[in-house]
Protein backbone atom coordinates (compact mmCIF):
# COMPACT_ATOMS: atom_id res chain seq x y z
CA MET A 1 0.00 0.00 0.00
CA ARG A 2 2.86 2.33 0.83
CA SER A 3 4.47 1.71 -2.56
CA VAL A 4 1.20 2.49 -4.33
CA GLN A 5 0.93 5.79 -2.43
CA ARG A 6 4.53 6.67 -3.31
CA ALA A 7 3.92 5.92 -6.98
CA PHE A 8 0.81 8.08 -6.97
CA ASP A 9 2.71 10.91 -5.23
CA ILE A 10 5.30 10.85 -8.01
CA LEU A 11 2.75 10.79 -10.84
CA SER A 12 0.85 13.64 -9.18
CA LEU A 13 3.88 15.89 -9.61
CA LEU A 14 3.20 15.98 -13.35
CA THR A 15 0.90 18.85 -14.39
CA GLU A 16 0.03 20.74 -17.55
CA GLU A 17 2.58 23.36 -16.51
CA ARG A 18 5.27 20.79 -15.61
CA ARG A 19 5.34 17.98 -18.15
CA THR A 20 8.70 16.47 -17.17
CA LEU A 21 10.26 15.52 -13.82
CA THR A 22 13.91 15.25 -12.88
CA ILE A 23 15.14 12.84 -10.22
CA ARG A 24 16.13 15.83 -8.10
CA GLU A 25 12.59 17.25 -8.23
CA VAL A 26 11.10 13.90 -7.23
CA VAL A 27 13.47 13.57 -4.27
CA GLU A 28 12.93 17.15 -3.08
CA GLU A 29 9.15 17.18 -3.41
CA THR A 30 8.30 13.69 -2.15
CA GLY A 31 10.94 13.42 0.56
CA LEU A 32 11.99 9.99 -0.73
CA ALA A 33 15.57 8.82 -0.52
CA LYS A 34 17.33 9.05 -3.89
CA THR A 35 17.69 5.26 -4.15
CA THR A 36 13.99 4.78 -3.41
CA ALA A 37 13.00 7.46 -5.90
CA LEU A 38 15.14 5.87 -8.61
CA ARG A 39 13.63 2.45 -7.94
CA MET A 40 10.08 3.87 -8.10
CA LEU A 41 10.82 5.79 -11.31
CA LEU A 42 12.29 2.68 -12.95
CA THR A 43 9.24 0.61 -11.98
CA LEU A 44 6.84 3.25 -13.29
CA GLU A 45 8.82 3.42 -16.54
CA GLN A 46 8.71 -0.37 -16.94
CA MET A 47 4.92 -0.25 -16.48
CA GLY A 48 4.62 2.44 -19.15
CA LEU A 49 3.31 5.03 -16.68
CA LEU A 50 6.41 7.20 -17.15
CA TRP A 51 8.70 7.73 -20.14
CA ALA A 52 12.39 8.60 -19.77
CA THR A 53 13.58 11.49 -21.96
CA ALA A 54 16.75 13.59 -22.14
CA LYS A 55 15.01 16.26 -20.01
CA GLY A 56 13.56 13.91 -17.42
CA TYR A 57 10.54 11.68 -16.95
CA THR A 58 7.25 12.48 -18.65
CA ALA A 59 3.83 10.80 -18.82
CA GLY A 60 4.01 7.35 -20.38
CA PRO A 61 1.79 5.70 -23.02
CA ALA A 62 -0.08 3.56 -20.46
CA LEU A 63 -1.54 6.75 -18.97
CA TRP A 64 -2.97 7.64 -22.39
CA ARG A 65 -4.91 4.37 -22.46
CA TRP A 66 -6.24 4.99 -18.96
CA ALA A 67 -7.12 8.58 -19.83
CA HIS A 68 -9.12 7.35 -22.82
CA LEU A 69 -11.01 4.87 -20.61
CA ALA A 70 -11.71 7.56 -18.01
CA ARG A 71 -12.96 9.99 -20.64
CA SER A 72 -15.27 7.36 -22.10
CA ALA A 73 -16.68 6.53 -18.66
CA TRP A 74 -17.18 10.13 -17.51
CA GLU A 75 -18.08 11.95 -20.72
CA LEU A 76 -21.58 13.39 -20.45
CA PRO A 77 -24.22 13.22 -23.19
CA PRO A 78 -23.97 16.00 -25.83
CA GLU A 79 -27.40 17.29 -24.75
CA THR A 80 -26.21 17.87 -21.18
CA LEU A 81 -23.05 19.65 -22.32
CA GLU A 82 -25.09 21.82 -24.69
CA LEU A 83 -27.38 22.86 -21.83
CA MET A 84 -24.31 23.90 -19.85
CA ARG A 85 -22.94 25.88 -22.80
CA GLU A 86 -26.24 27.69 -23.25
CA LEU A 87 -26.43 28.51 -19.53
CA GLY A 88 -22.87 29.87 -19.56
CA ALA A 89 -23.59 32.00 -22.63
CA ARG A 90 -26.70 33.51 -21.01
CA GLN A 91 -25.23 34.25 -17.60
CA ARG A 92 -21.57 34.77 -18.64
CA GLU A 93 -20.29 32.95 -15.55
CA THR A 94 -18.53 29.59 -15.22
CA VAL A 95 -20.83 26.56 -15.14
CA ASN A 96 -19.77 23.42 -13.26
CA LEU A 97 -21.30 20.04 -12.54
CA TYR A 98 -20.26 18.23 -9.34
CA VAL A 99 -20.92 14.78 -7.89
CA VAL A 100 -20.05 13.28 -4.49
CA ARG A 101 -17.14 10.96 -3.83
CA GLY A 102 -16.63 10.20 -0.13
CA VAL A 103 -16.01 13.47 1.72
CA HIS A 104 -15.26 15.30 -1.52
CA ARG A 105 -17.09 16.67 -4.53
CA VAL A 106 -15.70 15.98 -8.00
CA CYS A 107 -16.01 18.35 -10.95
CA ILE A 108 -17.14 16.22 -13.90
CA ALA A 109 -17.89 18.98 -16.43
CA GLN A 110 -17.24 22.68 -16.88
CA GLN A 111 -18.13 25.52 -19.20
CA GLU A 112 -15.81 28.46 -18.62
CA SER A 113 -17.08 32.03 -18.37
CA PRO A 114 -16.23 34.17 -21.41
CA GLN A 115 -15.17 37.04 -19.11
CA PRO A 116 -11.46 37.77 -18.48
CA LEU A 117 -11.91 37.57 -14.70
CA ARG A 118 -13.50 34.20 -14.02
CA HIS A 119 -13.51 31.19 -11.72
CA VAL A 120 -12.06 28.03 -13.29
CA MET A 121 -11.96 24.50 -11.90
CA ARG A 122 -10.23 21.66 -13.71
CA VAL A 123 -12.44 18.74 -14.62
CA GLY A 124 -11.57 15.84 -12.33
CA CYS A 125 -10.52 18.03 -9.42
CA GLU A 126 -11.76 17.09 -5.95
CA LEU A 127 -12.91 19.74 -3.48
CA PRO A 128 -14.01 19.36 0.14
CA LEU A 129 -17.67 19.15 1.13
CA TRP A 130 -17.38 21.35 4.22
CA GLY A 131 -18.09 24.54 2.27
CA GLY A 132 -19.40 25.91 -1.00
CA ALA A 133 -22.82 26.13 -2.63
CA SER A 134 -22.56 22.79 -4.43
CA ALA A 135 -21.59 21.00 -1.20
CA LYS A 136 -24.82 22.18 0.47
CA ILE A 137 -26.78 20.64 -2.39
CA LEU A 138 -24.84 17.38 -2.58
CA LEU A 139 -25.12 16.71 1.17
CA SER A 140 -28.92 16.65 1.00
CA GLY A 141 -30.08 13.44 2.65
CA ALA A 142 -26.55 12.54 3.76
CA PRO A 143 -26.28 10.24 6.81
CA GLU A 144 -25.02 11.68 10.07
CA THR A 145 -21.87 9.60 9.81
CA LEU A 146 -20.91 11.35 6.57
CA LEU A 147 -21.70 14.81 7.97
CA ALA A 148 -19.51 14.05 10.98
CA ARG A 149 -16.63 13.00 8.70
CA VAL A 150 -17.00 16.11 6.55
CA ALA A 151 -17.02 18.33 9.65
CA ARG A 152 -13.86 16.71 11.01
CA GLU A 153 -12.12 17.39 7.70
CA SER A 154 -13.04 21.09 7.85
CA PRO A 155 -10.89 23.89 9.33
CA TYR A 156 -13.58 24.32 12.00
CA GLY A 157 -13.53 20.83 13.48
CA SER A 158 -16.39 18.57 14.58
CA ALA A 159 -18.57 21.47 15.74
CA HIS A 160 -19.01 22.44 12.09
CA VAL A 161 -21.60 19.67 11.75
CA ASP A 162 -24.28 21.99 13.17
CA THR A 163 -23.54 24.58 10.48
CA LEU A 164 -23.68 21.88 7.82
CA ARG A 165 -27.14 20.80 9.01
CA ASP A 166 -28.37 24.40 8.87
CA TRP A 167 -26.97 24.90 5.37
CA ILE A 168 -28.53 21.68 4.09
CA ALA A 169 -31.94 22.49 5.58
CA ARG A 170 -31.95 25.94 4.00
CA ALA A 171 -30.85 24.59 0.61
CA GLU A 172 -33.63 21.98 0.69
CA GLN A 173 -36.17 24.65 1.60
CA ASP A 174 -35.03 27.15 -1.04
CA GLY A 175 -34.24 24.63 -3.77
CA CYS A 176 -30.84 26.27 -4.22
CA ALA A 177 -27.73 27.20 -2.26
CA VAL A 178 -25.46 30.25 -2.24
CA SER A 179 -21.90 30.72 -0.98
CA HIS A 180 -19.62 33.72 -0.70
CA GLY A 181 -15.95 33.06 0.01
CA GLU A 182 -16.56 29.95 2.12
CA ARG A 183 -13.76 27.96 0.53
CA GLU A 184 -11.93 30.55 -1.52
CA SER A 185 -11.96 34.24 -0.64
CA GLY A 186 -13.44 36.49 -3.34
CA THR A 187 -15.34 33.68 -5.07
CA SER A 188 -19.10 33.10 -4.97
CA ALA A 189 -21.43 30.44 -6.33
CA VAL A 190 -25.09 29.49 -6.71
CA ALA A 191 -26.03 25.81 -7.00
CA VAL A 192 -29.13 23.69 -7.59
CA PRO A 193 -29.71 19.92 -7.60
CA VAL A 194 -29.87 17.66 -10.64
CA THR A 195 -32.13 14.77 -9.66
CA GLY A 196 -32.90 11.25 -10.82
CA GLY A 197 -36.23 9.56 -11.41
CA SER A 198 -36.69 8.91 -7.68
CA GLY A 199 -36.03 12.53 -6.83
CA ALA A 200 -32.65 11.79 -5.24
CA VAL A 201 -29.90 14.37 -5.78
CA LEU A 202 -27.39 13.04 -8.32
CA ALA A 203 -25.33 16.16 -8.96
CA ALA A 204 -25.05 19.88 -8.28
CA LEU A 205 -25.20 22.36 -11.14
CA THR A 206 -23.46 25.64 -10.31
CA LEU A 207 -22.65 29.11 -11.55
CA SER A 208 -19.50 30.56 -9.99
CA GLY A 209 -17.38 33.67 -10.34
CA PRO A 210 -15.94 36.71 -8.59
CA THR A 211 -18.02 37.82 -5.59
CA VAL A 212 -18.28 41.35 -7.01
CA ARG A 213 -20.52 39.97 -9.78
CA PHE A 214 -22.71 37.96 -7.39
CA ALA A 215 -24.61 40.79 -5.72
CA GLU A 216 -27.94 39.99 -4.05
CA ASP A 217 -29.94 41.42 -6.96
CA LYS A 218 -28.28 38.87 -9.31
CA ILE A 219 -28.76 35.74 -7.18
CA ASP A 220 -32.47 35.19 -7.94
CA GLY A 221 -31.84 35.38 -11.67
CA PHE A 222 -28.93 32.94 -11.47
CA ALA A 223 -30.98 30.51 -9.36
CA ALA A 224 -34.00 30.64 -11.69
CA ASP A 225 -31.89 29.89 -14.77
CA LEU A 226 -30.03 27.12 -12.95
CA ARG A 227 -33.30 25.49 -11.83
CA ASP A 228 -34.67 25.53 -15.37
CA THR A 229 -31.48 24.03 -16.80
CA ALA A 230 -31.24 21.37 -14.07
CA LYS A 231 -34.88 20.44 -14.61
CA ARG A 232 -34.24 19.89 -18.31
CA MET A 233 -31.16 17.77 -17.48
CA SER A 234 -33.21 15.67 -15.06
CA GLN A 235 -36.00 15.21 -17.59
CA ARG A 236 -33.59 14.01 -20.27
CA GLY A 237 -31.96 11.61 -17.81
CA PHE A 238 -28.67 12.06 -16.04
CA ASP A 239 -26.14 9.38 -15.18
CA HIS A 240 -22.55 9.15 -14.03
CA PRO A 241 -20.16 6.39 -12.89
CA LEU A 242 -20.67 7.06 -9.17
CA HIS A 243 -24.44 6.61 -9.37
């Protein structure tokens, strides 16, 4: 298990901005001994997960195959993506779709705002459930055990569970949720549920952006458009691998 975690830590160092890794970078950023780092890099290269080049190690061909499988599994229907594009064009803010995974929410689709100053979240990123408009939606109907775990993961400790209950109750009553700087200062969001045939919440559809553009007189309009879009998604049928 420890070796798996170490391998994942190394692969996680690769980003769009840093496409190659040197042995020195791996040692410095993972804290591994140089001999251990070399052994892990060699194993990852043999498995095709890394590729040795003159400049260092880069993503290997095996990751491409896995990426293709992941994209096939998570890619949403064209109709759903079109609804998100239309919503983003009308409101000119970033549109995201989140689902729950453990004590986190995962972004599974995004339509970026056309404005220069905008909020952007990479598809596939995991965020905590202890704050944010989409978290308040996704925790609807969550068992007390999950709420307790989410609270413990928060900066506020176990006592945060009472706040979570209040947020969830208000979101269920209003049919939407709002957040201002709860997770990231200067960023606001409005979220509504996307439901399945049984009425259970499957995902949270959100509009997010700079707080200065989310004044109180804009919230009702955002929420109304989100509800209409989410309703159309639900009517057409919505599915994802975690459901």
